[in-house]
Each structure stands twice: as C-alpha cells, then as structure tokens.
Amino acid sequence: MAEKSAFEYAEKHGLNLITLCPPLVFGPMLQPTLNTSSKFLIYVIKRGPDVMNNKLWHIVNARDVADALLLVYEKPESSWRYI
C-alpha cells in the first residue's frame, strides 16, 4: 500500500518514482550484532518449524542490490518498478 501511495503521489506531483524490491538481502554486516536477515538465516539453518526441504529461496547479496540501485539511478529512462 505504501508503494501504491507513493506512485499516486509521484504521478500527482509530476515526479519520476522508481522502486527496487529485492528479495531476502544478505551481505557483510556493518554492526557487531546479528541483524534480522542473519537471525533468519540461522533460524533456517537450525531447521525452524518450517523445514526448508525442496523450497526455492530468492536471496540476493547486499552488494548486488547496491549495484542495481546505481544502475537504475544512472539511467534516465529508468521508471516504475524493478524486482
């Protein structure tokens, strides 16, 4: 709903809004404690209540997300939504 509202606002005010919606993002940690993504990965590895047999997980590296953001930002023809 937030993304929809943002696009409505952008259209109303003549703005070019672009959203990038990555899946689970993992990468180097910047803080000394575990973040939510790391805790989730540990939970999965330790076989939480939902065993991960034969499931497809969409995971991306944080550095790849940063590269994608730069590519979208630097292309004037970029628009709408990227997944």
N, C-alpha and C. Protein backbone atom coordinates (compact mmCIF):
# COMPACT_ATOMS: atom_id res chain seq x y z
N MET A 1 0.81 -1.18 0.00
CA MET A 1 0.00 0.00 0.00
C MET A 1 0.87 1.25 0.00
N ALA A 2 1.99 1.18 0.70
CA ALA A 2 2.88 2.34 0.75
C ALA A 2 3.43 2.64 -0.64
N GLU A 3 3.81 1.59 -1.36
CA GLU A 3 4.34 1.79 -2.70
C GLU A 3 3.27 2.36 -3.62
N LYS A 4 2.06 1.86 -3.53
CA LYS A 4 0.96 2.37 -4.34
C LYS A 4 0.71 3.85 -4.04
N SER A 5 0.70 4.20 -2.77
CA SER A 5 0.51 5.59 -2.37
C SER A 5 1.63 6.48 -2.89
N ALA A 6 2.85 5.97 -2.83
CA ALA A 6 3.99 6.74 -3.33
C ALA A 6 3.87 6.99 -4.83
N PHE A 7 3.44 5.97 -5.59
CA PHE A 7 3.27 6.16 -7.03
C PHE A 7 2.14 7.14 -7.34
N GLU A 8 1.07 7.09 -6.57
CA GLU A 8 -0.03 8.05 -6.76
C GLU A 8 0.45 9.47 -6.48
N TYR A 9 1.21 9.65 -5.41
CA TYR A 9 1.75 10.97 -5.07
C TYR A 9 2.69 11.46 -6.17
N ALA A 10 3.56 10.57 -6.64
CA ALA A 10 4.52 10.95 -7.69
C ALA A 10 3.81 11.37 -8.96
N GLU A 11 2.77 10.62 -9.34
CA GLU A 11 2.04 10.96 -10.56
C GLU A 11 1.32 12.31 -10.41
N LYS A 12 0.74 12.52 -9.24
CA LYS A 12 0.02 13.77 -8.99
C LYS A 12 0.93 14.99 -9.02
N HIS A 13 2.19 14.81 -8.58
CA HIS A 13 3.12 15.94 -8.49
C HIS A 13 4.19 15.94 -9.58
N GLY A 14 4.03 15.10 -10.59
CA GLY A 14 4.96 15.10 -11.72
C GLY A 14 6.35 14.58 -11.40
N LEU A 15 6.43 13.64 -10.49
CA LEU A 15 7.73 13.08 -10.11
C LEU A 15 7.95 11.73 -10.79
N ASN A 16 9.20 11.42 -11.06
CA ASN A 16 9.56 10.11 -11.60
C ASN A 16 10.00 9.23 -10.44
N LEU A 17 9.14 8.31 -10.05
CA LEU A 17 9.42 7.43 -8.91
C LEU A 17 9.84 6.06 -9.42
N ILE A 18 10.87 5.54 -8.82
CA ILE A 18 11.37 4.20 -9.15
C ILE A 18 11.48 3.42 -7.85
N THR A 19 11.01 2.18 -7.86
CA THR A 19 11.18 1.33 -6.69
C THR A 19 11.98 0.09 -7.07
N LEU A 20 12.80 -0.33 -6.15
CA LEU A 20 13.58 -1.55 -6.31
C LEU A 20 13.16 -2.47 -5.17
N CYS A 21 12.67 -3.65 -5.49
CA CYS A 21 12.11 -4.57 -4.50
C CYS A 21 12.89 -5.88 -4.48
N PRO A 22 14.02 -5.91 -3.78
CA PRO A 22 14.79 -7.15 -3.74
C PRO A 22 14.16 -8.16 -2.78
N PRO A 23 14.50 -9.45 -2.94
CA PRO A 23 14.00 -10.46 -2.01
C PRO A 23 14.81 -10.41 -0.72
N LEU A 24 15.09 -11.53 -0.11
CA LEU A 24 15.93 -11.56 1.09
C LEU A 24 17.32 -11.05 0.75
N VAL A 25 17.80 -10.09 1.52
CA VAL A 25 19.10 -9.47 1.25
C VAL A 25 20.07 -9.89 2.33
N PHE A 26 21.19 -10.47 1.91
CA PHE A 26 22.25 -10.85 2.84
C PHE A 26 23.55 -10.23 2.37
N GLY A 27 24.44 -10.02 3.28
CA GLY A 27 25.73 -9.45 2.92
C GLY A 27 26.55 -9.18 4.16
N PRO A 28 27.65 -8.48 3.97
CA PRO A 28 28.50 -8.18 5.12
C PRO A 28 27.74 -7.34 6.15
N MET A 29 27.95 -7.66 7.40
CA MET A 29 27.27 -6.92 8.46
C MET A 29 28.10 -5.70 8.84
N LEU A 30 27.41 -4.59 9.07
CA LEU A 30 28.08 -3.35 9.44
C LEU A 30 28.10 -3.15 10.95
N GLN A 31 27.31 -3.92 11.66
CA GLN A 31 27.23 -3.78 13.10
C GLN A 31 27.78 -5.05 13.76
N PRO A 32 28.18 -4.96 15.02
CA PRO A 32 28.76 -6.13 15.69
C PRO A 32 27.73 -7.20 16.10
N THR A 33 26.44 -6.87 16.09
CA THR A 33 25.40 -7.83 16.47
C THR A 33 24.68 -8.33 15.22
N LEU A 34 23.98 -9.44 15.37
CA LEU A 34 23.25 -10.00 14.24
C LEU A 34 22.07 -9.11 13.87
N ASN A 35 21.84 -8.97 12.56
CA ASN A 35 20.66 -8.24 12.10
C ASN A 35 19.54 -9.24 11.82
N THR A 36 18.39 -8.75 11.42
CA THR A 36 17.23 -9.61 11.21
C THR A 36 17.48 -10.66 10.14
N SER A 37 18.13 -10.28 9.04
CA SER A 37 18.41 -11.24 7.96
C SER A 37 19.31 -12.36 8.46
N SER A 38 20.33 -12.01 9.21
CA SER A 38 21.25 -13.02 9.73
C SER A 38 20.54 -13.95 10.71
N LYS A 39 19.70 -13.38 11.55
CA LYS A 39 18.95 -14.21 12.51
C LYS A 39 18.02 -15.16 11.76
N PHE A 40 17.41 -14.69 10.68
CA PHE A 40 16.54 -15.55 9.89
C PHE A 40 17.34 -16.70 9.28
N LEU A 41 18.51 -16.40 8.73
CA LEU A 41 19.34 -17.44 8.13
C LEU A 41 19.74 -18.49 9.16
N ILE A 42 20.13 -18.06 10.33
CA ILE A 42 20.49 -19.01 11.39
C ILE A 42 19.27 -19.85 11.77
N TYR A 43 18.11 -19.22 11.85
CA TYR A 43 16.86 -19.93 12.17
C TYR A 43 16.59 -21.02 11.13
N VAL A 44 16.77 -20.69 9.87
CA VAL A 44 16.53 -21.66 8.80
C VAL A 44 17.55 -22.80 8.87
N ILE A 45 18.82 -22.46 9.08
CA ILE A 45 19.87 -23.47 9.14
C ILE A 45 19.63 -24.43 10.30
N LYS A 46 19.15 -23.90 11.41
CA LYS A 46 18.88 -24.75 12.57
C LYS A 46 17.55 -25.47 12.47
N ARG A 47 16.95 -25.42 11.29
CA ARG A 47 15.72 -26.14 10.99
C ARG A 47 14.58 -25.72 11.89
N GLY A 48 14.14 -24.48 11.68
CA GLY A 48 12.99 -23.96 12.40
C GLY A 48 11.77 -24.82 12.13
N PRO A 49 10.59 -24.42 12.61
CA PRO A 49 9.41 -25.27 12.45
C PRO A 49 9.06 -25.57 10.99
N ASP A 50 9.45 -24.70 10.06
CA ASP A 50 9.16 -24.93 8.65
C ASP A 50 10.44 -25.45 7.99
N VAL A 51 10.57 -26.76 7.90
CA VAL A 51 11.78 -27.36 7.32
C VAL A 51 11.91 -26.93 5.86
N MET A 52 13.10 -26.59 5.45
CA MET A 52 13.33 -25.99 4.15
C MET A 52 13.63 -26.99 3.03
N ASN A 53 13.12 -28.17 3.12
CA ASN A 53 13.36 -29.15 2.07
C ASN A 53 12.63 -28.77 0.79
N ASN A 54 13.33 -28.82 -0.31
CA ASN A 54 12.75 -28.60 -1.64
C ASN A 54 12.00 -27.29 -1.77
N LYS A 55 12.53 -26.24 -1.21
CA LYS A 55 11.92 -24.92 -1.35
C LYS A 55 12.89 -23.99 -2.05
N LEU A 56 12.34 -23.15 -2.90
CA LEU A 56 13.14 -22.17 -3.62
C LEU A 56 13.17 -20.88 -2.82
N TRP A 57 14.36 -20.40 -2.54
CA TRP A 57 14.52 -19.14 -1.81
C TRP A 57 15.19 -18.12 -2.71
N HIS A 58 14.60 -16.96 -2.81
CA HIS A 58 15.17 -15.87 -3.60
C HIS A 58 16.01 -15.02 -2.65
N ILE A 59 17.32 -15.12 -2.82
CA ILE A 59 18.25 -14.41 -1.95
C ILE A 59 19.22 -13.63 -2.82
N VAL A 60 19.55 -12.42 -2.39
CA VAL A 60 20.47 -11.58 -3.15
C VAL A 60 21.49 -10.98 -2.19
N ASN A 61 22.68 -10.73 -2.71
CA ASN A 61 23.75 -10.14 -1.92
C ASN A 61 23.53 -8.63 -1.84
N ALA A 62 23.79 -8.05 -0.70
CA ALA A 62 23.60 -6.61 -0.49
C ALA A 62 24.40 -5.79 -1.49
N ARG A 63 25.58 -6.27 -1.86
CA ARG A 63 26.40 -5.52 -2.84
C ARG A 63 25.74 -5.51 -4.22
N ASP A 64 25.03 -6.59 -4.56
CA ASP A 64 24.31 -6.62 -5.84
C ASP A 64 23.12 -5.66 -5.82
N VAL A 65 22.47 -5.53 -4.67
CA VAL A 65 21.37 -4.56 -4.55
C VAL A 65 21.92 -3.15 -4.73
N ALA A 66 23.07 -2.87 -4.12
CA ALA A 66 23.68 -1.54 -4.27
C ALA A 66 24.02 -1.27 -5.74
N ASP A 67 24.58 -2.25 -6.42
CA ASP A 67 24.88 -2.08 -7.85
C ASP A 67 23.61 -1.81 -8.66
N ALA A 68 22.54 -2.54 -8.35
CA ALA A 68 21.27 -2.36 -9.06
C ALA A 68 20.72 -0.95 -8.82
N LEU A 69 20.82 -0.46 -7.60
CA LEU A 69 20.36 0.89 -7.30
C LEU A 69 21.13 1.93 -8.12
N LEU A 70 22.43 1.75 -8.23
CA LEU A 70 23.23 2.68 -9.04
C LEU A 70 22.86 2.62 -10.51
N LEU A 71 22.64 1.42 -11.04
CA LEU A 71 22.26 1.29 -12.44
C LEU A 71 20.93 1.97 -12.72
N VAL A 72 19.96 1.77 -11.85
CA VAL A 72 18.65 2.39 -12.03
C VAL A 72 18.75 3.91 -11.91
N TYR A 73 19.55 4.37 -10.96
CA TYR A 73 19.70 5.80 -10.73
C TYR A 73 20.38 6.50 -11.91
N GLU A 74 21.36 5.84 -12.51
CA GLU A 74 22.16 6.47 -13.56
C GLU A 74 21.50 6.44 -14.94
N LYS A 75 20.44 5.64 -15.13
CA LYS A 75 19.77 5.56 -16.44
C LYS A 75 18.55 6.48 -16.44
N PRO A 76 18.59 7.53 -17.24
CA PRO A 76 17.46 8.47 -17.26
C PRO A 76 16.14 7.82 -17.69
N GLU A 77 16.21 6.77 -18.50
CA GLU A 77 14.99 6.12 -18.97
C GLU A 77 14.39 5.14 -17.96
N SER A 78 15.04 4.97 -16.81
CA SER A 78 14.52 4.07 -15.78
C SER A 78 13.18 4.59 -15.27
N SER A 79 12.28 3.66 -15.05
CA SER A 79 10.99 4.06 -14.49
C SER A 79 10.29 2.86 -13.89
N TRP A 80 9.31 3.15 -13.06
CA TRP A 80 8.39 2.21 -12.46
C TRP A 80 9.04 1.32 -11.42
N ARG A 81 9.00 0.02 -11.62
CA ARG A 81 9.34 -0.92 -10.55
C ARG A 81 10.31 -2.00 -11.04
N TYR A 82 11.28 -2.30 -10.20
CA TYR A 82 12.26 -3.35 -10.50
C TYR A 82 12.25 -4.37 -9.39
N ILE A 83 12.18 -5.65 -9.76
CA ILE A 83 12.16 -6.72 -8.77
C ILE A 83 13.43 -7.55 -8.93
